[in-house]
Amino acid sequence: MGAVAIEQPVKTTRIARERVRDGMATAVRLSRQVFEVTREPKVVITLALVLVLTASAIGVVISSHQNRELFNTLSGLQEQRDGYQREWSQLLLEQSALSNHGRVEKLAAQRFNMVVPERQDIVLVPLMSTVAAK
């Protein structure tokens, strides 16, 4: 067996306390320097400009978001308009097909047994003007 050396215990609490005190002193010294520097007019102006810049950037972000939402709404409304235009054109085609003279004559003949009158069956009635009637 070898010799055993007994070391003195290191007092960590005293070292830790000193480190904490040094850290606090450094923090206080730095905060005093910061507050002293902020009293200078150039620094105050710079901080104000930074605040204005930040507010402006937030405004740009909000404006861009609203622009995207409005564009999406516009796109949806345009698609809806295009659908209505397609439907309108189809209805116009259907109307023209249903109102075709040949079709109307055919339906009149089938449903109501109507026929086009012959030439000898047509009677012309003279038009009376308002002056001639007096």
N, C-alpha and C. Protein backbone atom coordinates (compact mmCIF):
# COMPACT_ATOMS: atom_id res chain seq x y z
N MET A 1 0.83 -1.17 0.00
CA MET A 1 0.00 0.00 0.00
C MET A 1 0.86 1.23 0.00
N GLY A 2 0.29 2.24 -0.71
CA GLY A 2 1.03 3.48 -0.80
C GLY A 2 0.58 4.47 0.24
N ALA A 3 1.23 5.55 0.24
CA ALA A 3 0.88 6.58 1.20
C ALA A 3 -0.38 7.30 0.74
N VAL A 4 -1.19 7.69 1.65
CA VAL A 4 -2.44 8.38 1.35
C VAL A 4 -2.27 9.81 1.81
N ALA A 5 -2.53 10.72 0.91
CA ALA A 5 -2.43 12.14 1.27
C ALA A 5 -3.83 12.66 1.53
N ILE A 6 -3.97 13.35 2.59
CA ILE A 6 -5.27 13.95 2.93
C ILE A 6 -5.19 15.42 2.59
N GLU A 7 -6.07 15.81 1.70
CA GLU A 7 -6.06 17.21 1.30
C GLU A 7 -7.07 17.98 2.12
N GLN A 8 -6.80 19.24 2.21
CA GLN A 8 -7.72 20.12 2.93
C GLN A 8 -8.95 20.34 2.05
N PRO A 9 -10.12 20.29 2.61
CA PRO A 9 -11.32 20.52 1.81
C PRO A 9 -11.36 21.98 1.33
N VAL A 10 -11.72 22.14 0.09
CA VAL A 10 -11.80 23.47 -0.49
C VAL A 10 -13.16 24.05 -0.12
N LYS A 11 -13.13 25.27 0.30
CA LYS A 11 -14.39 25.91 0.69
C LYS A 11 -15.02 26.52 -0.58
N THR A 12 -15.91 25.75 -1.16
CA THR A 12 -16.56 26.17 -2.39
C THR A 12 -17.58 27.27 -2.15
N THR A 13 -18.13 27.29 -0.99
CA THR A 13 -19.16 28.30 -0.73
C THR A 13 -18.56 29.70 -0.74
N ARG A 14 -17.31 29.81 -0.17
CA ARG A 14 -16.69 31.13 -0.15
C ARG A 14 -16.33 31.58 -1.56
N ILE A 15 -15.88 30.65 -2.43
CA ILE A 15 -15.53 30.99 -3.81
C ILE A 15 -16.81 31.33 -4.59
N ALA A 16 -17.85 30.58 -4.37
CA ALA A 16 -19.12 30.84 -5.06
C ALA A 16 -19.66 32.20 -4.66
N ARG A 17 -19.57 32.54 -3.40
CA ARG A 17 -20.05 33.84 -2.94
C ARG A 17 -19.26 34.97 -3.59
N GLU A 18 -17.95 34.77 -3.70
CA GLU A 18 -17.12 35.80 -4.32
C GLU A 18 -17.48 35.97 -5.82
N ARG A 19 -17.71 34.88 -6.48
CA ARG A 19 -18.10 34.94 -7.89
C ARG A 19 -19.45 35.65 -8.06
N VAL A 20 -20.37 35.35 -7.18
CA VAL A 20 -21.69 36.00 -7.24
C VAL A 20 -21.54 37.49 -7.01
N ARG A 21 -20.73 37.86 -6.01
CA ARG A 21 -20.51 39.29 -5.71
C ARG A 21 -19.85 39.99 -6.89
N ASP A 22 -18.84 39.33 -7.49
CA ASP A 22 -18.18 39.92 -8.66
C ASP A 22 -19.15 40.07 -9.83
N GLY A 23 -19.97 39.06 -10.04
CA GLY A 23 -20.96 39.11 -11.12
C GLY A 23 -21.99 40.22 -10.91
N MET A 24 -22.44 40.37 -9.66
CA MET A 24 -23.42 41.42 -9.35
C MET A 24 -22.78 42.80 -9.53
N ALA A 25 -21.54 42.93 -9.09
CA ALA A 25 -20.87 44.22 -9.24
C ALA A 25 -20.69 44.56 -10.72
N THR A 26 -20.35 43.58 -11.53
CA THR A 26 -20.20 43.80 -12.96
C THR A 26 -21.55 44.18 -13.59
N ALA A 27 -22.61 43.51 -13.19
CA ALA A 27 -23.93 43.80 -13.72
C ALA A 27 -24.37 45.21 -13.35
N VAL A 28 -24.13 45.61 -12.13
CA VAL A 28 -24.51 46.96 -11.69
C VAL A 28 -23.70 48.00 -12.45
N ARG A 29 -22.40 47.75 -12.60
CA ARG A 29 -21.55 48.69 -13.32
C ARG A 29 -22.00 48.83 -14.78
N LEU A 30 -22.32 47.70 -15.44
CA LEU A 30 -22.78 47.75 -16.83
C LEU A 30 -24.14 48.45 -16.95
N SER A 31 -25.04 48.19 -16.02
CA SER A 31 -26.34 48.85 -16.10
C SER A 31 -26.21 50.35 -15.89
N ARG A 32 -25.31 50.78 -15.02
CA ARG A 32 -25.07 52.22 -14.84
C ARG A 32 -24.53 52.83 -16.13
N GLN A 33 -23.63 52.13 -16.79
CA GLN A 33 -23.07 52.63 -18.05
C GLN A 33 -24.16 52.73 -19.12
N VAL A 34 -25.03 51.74 -19.16
CA VAL A 34 -26.11 51.75 -20.15
C VAL A 34 -27.03 52.92 -19.89
N PHE A 35 -27.43 53.13 -18.64
CA PHE A 35 -28.33 54.24 -18.33
C PHE A 35 -27.67 55.59 -18.58
N GLU A 36 -26.38 55.68 -18.33
CA GLU A 36 -25.68 56.94 -18.60
C GLU A 36 -25.62 57.21 -20.10
N VAL A 37 -25.40 56.17 -20.89
CA VAL A 37 -25.31 56.33 -22.33
C VAL A 37 -26.68 56.70 -22.91
N THR A 38 -27.75 56.14 -22.34
CA THR A 38 -29.09 56.43 -22.88
C THR A 38 -29.52 57.87 -22.61
N ARG A 39 -28.84 58.57 -21.78
CA ARG A 39 -29.18 59.98 -21.53
C ARG A 39 -28.63 60.89 -22.63
N GLU A 40 -27.76 60.39 -23.46
CA GLU A 40 -27.20 61.20 -24.54
C GLU A 40 -28.24 61.35 -25.64
N PRO A 41 -28.34 62.54 -26.23
CA PRO A 41 -29.37 62.80 -27.25
C PRO A 41 -29.25 61.90 -28.48
N LYS A 42 -28.05 61.61 -28.92
CA LYS A 42 -27.88 60.78 -30.12
C LYS A 42 -28.42 59.37 -29.89
N VAL A 43 -28.21 58.86 -28.71
CA VAL A 43 -28.68 57.50 -28.40
C VAL A 43 -30.20 57.48 -28.30
N VAL A 44 -30.77 58.52 -27.71
CA VAL A 44 -32.22 58.59 -27.61
C VAL A 44 -32.85 58.67 -29.00
N ILE A 45 -32.27 59.46 -29.87
CA ILE A 45 -32.78 59.56 -31.24
C ILE A 45 -32.65 58.22 -31.96
N THR A 46 -31.52 57.55 -31.76
CA THR A 46 -31.32 56.25 -32.39
C THR A 46 -32.34 55.24 -31.90
N LEU A 47 -32.60 55.22 -30.59
CA LEU A 47 -33.59 54.29 -30.04
C LEU A 47 -34.99 54.62 -30.58
N ALA A 48 -35.31 55.90 -30.69
CA ALA A 48 -36.61 56.29 -31.24
C ALA A 48 -36.74 55.84 -32.69
N LEU A 49 -35.67 55.99 -33.46
CA LEU A 49 -35.70 55.56 -34.86
C LEU A 49 -35.84 54.03 -34.97
N VAL A 50 -35.22 53.33 -34.05
CA VAL A 50 -35.35 51.87 -34.05
C VAL A 50 -36.80 51.48 -33.76
N LEU A 51 -37.44 52.18 -32.84
CA LEU A 51 -38.84 51.90 -32.52
C LEU A 51 -39.74 52.21 -33.72
N VAL A 52 -39.49 53.33 -34.38
CA VAL A 52 -40.28 53.68 -35.56
C VAL A 52 -40.07 52.65 -36.67
N LEU A 53 -38.85 52.21 -36.85
CA LEU A 53 -38.55 51.20 -37.87
C LEU A 53 -39.26 49.89 -37.55
N THR A 54 -39.25 49.50 -36.29
CA THR A 54 -39.93 48.27 -35.89
C THR A 54 -41.43 48.37 -36.13
N ALA A 55 -42.02 49.52 -35.75
CA ALA A 55 -43.45 49.72 -35.98
C ALA A 55 -43.77 49.69 -37.48
N SER A 56 -42.93 50.28 -38.28
CA SER A 56 -43.13 50.27 -39.72
C SER A 56 -43.05 48.85 -40.28
N ALA A 57 -42.12 48.08 -39.80
CA ALA A 57 -41.98 46.69 -40.27
C ALA A 57 -43.21 45.88 -39.90
N ILE A 58 -43.73 46.08 -38.71
CA ILE A 58 -44.94 45.37 -38.30
C ILE A 58 -46.11 45.80 -39.18
N GLY A 59 -46.19 47.09 -39.51
CA GLY A 59 -47.24 47.57 -40.40
C GLY A 59 -47.15 46.95 -41.77
N VAL A 60 -45.95 46.77 -42.28
CA VAL A 60 -45.77 46.14 -43.60
C VAL A 60 -46.24 44.69 -43.56
N VAL A 61 -45.93 43.99 -42.49
CA VAL A 61 -46.35 42.59 -42.36
C VAL A 61 -47.87 42.50 -42.32
N ILE A 62 -48.51 43.37 -41.54
CA ILE A 62 -49.97 43.35 -41.44
C ILE A 62 -50.59 43.69 -42.79
N SER A 63 -50.05 44.70 -43.45
CA SER A 63 -50.57 45.10 -44.76
C SER A 63 -50.42 43.97 -45.78
N SER A 64 -49.31 43.29 -45.78
CA SER A 64 -49.10 42.17 -46.72
C SER A 64 -50.10 41.05 -46.45
N HIS A 65 -50.36 40.78 -45.18
CA HIS A 65 -51.32 39.72 -44.82
C HIS A 65 -52.72 40.09 -45.31
N GLN A 66 -53.13 41.33 -45.08
CA GLN A 66 -54.45 41.77 -45.54
C GLN A 66 -54.53 41.74 -47.07
N ASN A 67 -53.45 42.11 -47.73
CA ASN A 67 -53.41 42.07 -49.19
C ASN A 67 -53.61 40.65 -49.69
N ARG A 68 -52.97 39.68 -49.06
CA ARG A 68 -53.12 38.28 -49.48
C ARG A 68 -54.55 37.81 -49.27
N GLU A 69 -55.15 38.18 -48.12
CA GLU A 69 -56.53 37.77 -47.85
C GLU A 69 -57.48 38.37 -48.88
N LEU A 70 -57.31 39.65 -49.18
CA LEU A 70 -58.18 40.31 -50.15
C LEU A 70 -57.99 39.72 -51.55
N PHE A 71 -56.76 39.38 -51.91
CA PHE A 71 -56.50 38.78 -53.22
C PHE A 71 -57.19 37.42 -53.32
N ASN A 72 -57.13 36.63 -52.24
CA ASN A 72 -57.79 35.33 -52.25
C ASN A 72 -59.31 35.50 -52.39
N THR A 73 -59.87 36.50 -51.71
CA THR A 73 -61.30 36.77 -51.83
C THR A 73 -61.64 37.18 -53.25
N LEU A 74 -60.82 38.05 -53.83
CA LEU A 74 -61.03 38.49 -55.21
C LEU A 74 -60.99 37.31 -56.17
N SER A 75 -60.05 36.42 -56.00
CA SER A 75 -59.94 35.25 -56.88
C SER A 75 -61.20 34.38 -56.78
N GLY A 76 -61.68 34.20 -55.56
CA GLY A 76 -62.90 33.42 -55.39
C GLY A 76 -64.10 34.07 -56.05
N LEU A 77 -64.21 35.38 -55.91
CA LEU A 77 -65.32 36.10 -56.54
C LEU A 77 -65.23 36.07 -58.07
N GLN A 78 -64.01 36.14 -58.60
CA GLN A 78 -63.85 36.07 -60.06
C GLN A 78 -64.24 34.68 -60.57
N GLU A 79 -63.89 33.64 -59.84
CA GLU A 79 -64.29 32.28 -60.24
C GLU A 79 -65.81 32.15 -60.22
N GLN A 80 -66.44 32.74 -59.20
CA GLN A 80 -67.90 32.71 -59.11
C GLN A 80 -68.53 33.47 -60.28
N ARG A 81 -67.96 34.63 -60.62
CA ARG A 81 -68.45 35.41 -61.76
C ARG A 81 -68.33 34.62 -63.04
N ASP A 82 -67.20 33.94 -63.24
CA ASP A 82 -67.01 33.14 -64.45
C ASP A 82 -68.04 32.01 -64.53
N GLY A 83 -68.35 31.41 -63.39
CA GLY A 83 -69.38 30.38 -63.36
C GLY A 83 -70.74 30.93 -63.75
N TYR A 84 -71.07 32.11 -63.24
CA TYR A 84 -72.34 32.74 -63.61
C TYR A 84 -72.37 33.09 -65.09
N GLN A 85 -71.26 33.54 -65.65
CA GLN A 85 -71.22 33.86 -67.07
C GLN A 85 -71.41 32.61 -67.93
N ARG A 86 -70.81 31.50 -67.51
CA ARG A 86 -71.00 30.24 -68.24
C ARG A 86 -72.47 29.81 -68.19
N GLU A 87 -73.05 29.92 -67.01
CA GLU A 87 -74.46 29.55 -66.86
C GLU A 87 -75.36 30.45 -67.71
N TRP A 88 -75.07 31.75 -67.75
CA TRP A 88 -75.86 32.70 -68.54
C TRP A 88 -75.77 32.37 -70.03
N SER A 89 -74.57 32.06 -70.50
CA SER A 89 -74.43 31.74 -71.92
C SER A 89 -75.17 30.45 -72.25
N GLN A 90 -75.15 29.48 -71.33
CA GLN A 90 -75.89 28.24 -71.57
C GLN A 90 -77.40 28.50 -71.59
N LEU A 91 -77.86 29.38 -70.72
CA LEU A 91 -79.28 29.72 -70.71
C LEU A 91 -79.70 30.45 -71.99
N LEU A 92 -78.81 31.32 -72.49
CA LEU A 92 -79.12 32.01 -73.75
C LEU A 92 -79.20 31.01 -74.91
N LEU A 93 -78.29 30.05 -74.93
CA LEU A 93 -78.35 29.01 -75.97
C LEU A 93 -79.63 28.20 -75.86
N GLU A 94 -80.00 27.85 -74.65
CA GLU A 94 -81.22 27.08 -74.43
C GLU A 94 -82.45 27.89 -74.86
N GLN A 95 -82.46 29.18 -74.54
CA GLN A 95 -83.58 30.04 -74.92
C GLN A 95 -83.69 30.13 -76.44
N SER A 96 -82.56 30.31 -77.10
CA SER A 96 -82.61 30.41 -78.57
C SER A 96 -83.06 29.08 -79.18
N ALA A 97 -82.66 27.99 -78.58
CA ALA A 97 -83.08 26.68 -79.11
C ALA A 97 -84.57 26.46 -78.88
N LEU A 98 -85.09 26.87 -77.72
CA LEU A 98 -86.50 26.65 -77.41
C LEU A 98 -87.41 27.60 -78.18
N SER A 99 -86.90 28.76 -78.54
CA SER A 99 -87.75 29.74 -79.23
C SER A 99 -87.58 29.69 -80.74
N ASN A 100 -86.96 28.67 -81.26
CA ASN A 100 -86.79 28.49 -82.69
C ASN A 100 -88.17 28.34 -83.33
N HIS A 101 -88.43 29.06 -84.45
CA HIS A 101 -89.76 29.06 -85.08
C HIS A 101 -90.20 27.68 -85.51
N GLY A 102 -89.28 26.93 -86.04
CA GLY A 102 -89.63 25.58 -86.48
C GLY A 102 -90.08 24.72 -85.32
N ARG A 103 -89.43 24.84 -84.20
CA ARG A 103 -89.80 24.06 -83.01
C ARG A 103 -91.16 24.51 -82.49
N VAL A 104 -91.39 25.83 -82.47
CA VAL A 104 -92.67 26.34 -81.98
C VAL A 104 -93.82 25.84 -82.87
N GLU A 105 -93.62 25.89 -84.20
CA GLU A 105 -94.66 25.39 -85.11
C GLU A 105 -94.91 23.91 -84.91
N LYS A 106 -93.84 23.16 -84.71
CA LYS A 106 -93.97 21.71 -84.52
C LYS A 106 -94.75 21.40 -83.25
N LEU A 107 -94.41 22.11 -82.13
CA LEU A 107 -95.11 21.89 -80.88
C LEU A 107 -96.58 22.32 -80.98
N ALA A 108 -96.84 23.42 -81.68
CA ALA A 108 -98.23 23.88 -81.84
C ALA A 108 -99.03 22.85 -82.62
N ALA A 109 -98.43 22.27 -83.61
CA ALA A 109 -99.14 21.27 -84.41
C ALA A 109 -99.37 19.99 -83.60
N GLN A 110 -98.41 19.57 -82.82
CA GLN A 110 -98.52 18.32 -82.07
C GLN A 110 -99.48 18.47 -80.88
N ARG A 111 -99.32 19.51 -80.10
CA ARG A 111 -100.09 19.63 -78.86
C ARG A 111 -101.50 20.20 -79.08
N PHE A 112 -101.62 21.16 -79.98
CA PHE A 112 -102.88 21.87 -80.12
C PHE A 112 -103.55 21.66 -81.48
N ASN A 113 -102.97 20.80 -82.29
CA ASN A 113 -103.49 20.52 -83.63
C ASN A 113 -103.66 21.80 -84.44
N MET A 114 -102.71 22.70 -84.31
CA MET A 114 -102.73 23.96 -85.05
C MET A 114 -102.02 23.76 -86.37
N VAL A 115 -102.49 24.48 -87.39
CA VAL A 115 -101.86 24.41 -88.70
C VAL A 115 -101.70 25.83 -89.21
N VAL A 116 -100.80 26.01 -90.13
CA VAL A 116 -100.62 27.31 -90.77
C VAL A 116 -101.78 27.48 -91.74
N PRO A 117 -102.52 28.62 -91.69
CA PRO A 117 -103.68 28.77 -92.57
C PRO A 117 -103.25 28.88 -94.03
N GLU A 118 -104.13 28.40 -94.88
CA GLU A 118 -103.89 28.49 -96.30
C GLU A 118 -104.11 29.93 -96.74
N ARG A 119 -103.71 30.23 -97.94
CA ARG A 119 -103.79 31.60 -98.43
C ARG A 119 -105.24 32.08 -98.54
N GLN A 120 -106.14 31.24 -98.93
CA GLN A 120 -107.53 31.64 -99.08
C GLN A 120 -108.21 31.82 -97.73
N ASP A 121 -107.61 31.27 -96.64
CA ASP A 121 -108.20 31.39 -95.30
C ASP A 121 -107.75 32.65 -94.58
N ILE A 122 -106.81 33.40 -95.12
CA ILE A 122 -106.29 34.60 -94.47
C ILE A 122 -107.18 35.78 -94.86
N VAL A 123 -107.64 36.53 -93.85
CA VAL A 123 -108.47 37.70 -94.06
C VAL A 123 -107.68 38.91 -93.60
N LEU A 124 -107.58 39.93 -94.47
CA LEU A 124 -106.87 41.15 -94.12
C LEU A 124 -107.89 42.17 -93.62
N VAL A 125 -107.63 42.77 -92.51
CA VAL A 125 -108.49 43.79 -91.91
C VAL A 125 -107.80 45.12 -92.11
N PRO A 126 -108.51 46.09 -92.73
CA PRO A 126 -107.86 47.38 -92.95
C PRO A 126 -107.62 48.10 -91.64
N LEU A 127 -106.51 48.84 -91.59
CA LEU A 127 -106.13 49.59 -90.40
C LEU A 127 -106.87 50.93 -90.44
N MET A 128 -107.53 51.21 -89.36
CA MET A 128 -108.27 52.46 -89.28
C MET A 128 -107.42 53.48 -88.57
N SER A 129 -107.21 54.62 -89.15
CA SER A 129 -106.44 55.66 -88.50
C SER A 129 -107.37 56.48 -87.62
N THR A 130 -106.82 57.20 -86.65
CA THR A 130 -107.63 57.99 -85.73
C THR A 130 -108.29 59.16 -86.41
N VAL A 131 -107.72 59.70 -87.51
CA VAL A 131 -108.29 60.83 -88.26
C VAL A 131 -109.50 60.36 -89.06
N ALA A 132 -109.40 59.17 -89.67
CA ALA A 132 -110.49 58.65 -90.50
C ALA A 132 -111.67 58.22 -89.64
N ALA A 133 -111.45 57.84 -88.39
CA ALA A 133 -112.51 57.39 -87.52
C ALA A 133 -113.40 58.53 -87.08
N LYS A 134 -112.95 59.79 -87.10
CA LYS A 134 -113.75 60.95 -86.66
C LYS A 134 -114.66 61.32 -87.72
